[in-house]
Amino acid sequence: MRFKTKRDPLFVCLWLALILVANLVILWPLLLDPQALTPAGLVGLILPDALVTALLAWLAIDISYVIQEDVLFVKGGMFRSKIRFEEITRITRHPNIWVGYRLIFSRDAIEIHYRTGVLGSVVISPAEQEKFIDELIRRNHSIQVIDRA
């Protein structure tokens, strides 16, 4: 079962601003030095710019959470985690979204705590949050749900 990420206008604007700033930083030499408009200069600036833009777009567009037979598969661009249901200990609503391992695009997020993670948890923002939590609890009845207001 696949769950898409919830997308806030704030996060979309922040991400677009990040892409714009990255593009300006990389392409700034073209504005300062018109002599850099040689074919080699263009390739040396535009190729890295295209790669950075593609990477940032991939991170933003390819966020999903998939409940498979025995694992929760969380992915965002190149970042992927497989979390076995029996390793999940608790789910925290309204976590701190600015710190830690997070694959989110919304402030309305949940934090999944599990035993085998390097950081111990991952913050995610499924669009259908209640349905997502119910599916996890159905697969592991010992998961605690904590409301942090």
Foldseek 3Di string as FASTA:
>chain_A
DKFDADADPVLVVVLVVVLVVLLCVLCVVCVVDVVLPDPVSCCVRVVVNVVVNVQSVQQQPPFMWDDDDFWIWTDGRPDIDTHGLVFWAEKEWQDDQPDDAESHNDSGWIWTAGDPDPRRIYIGGTPPVVVVVVVSCVNPVNYYYHYDD
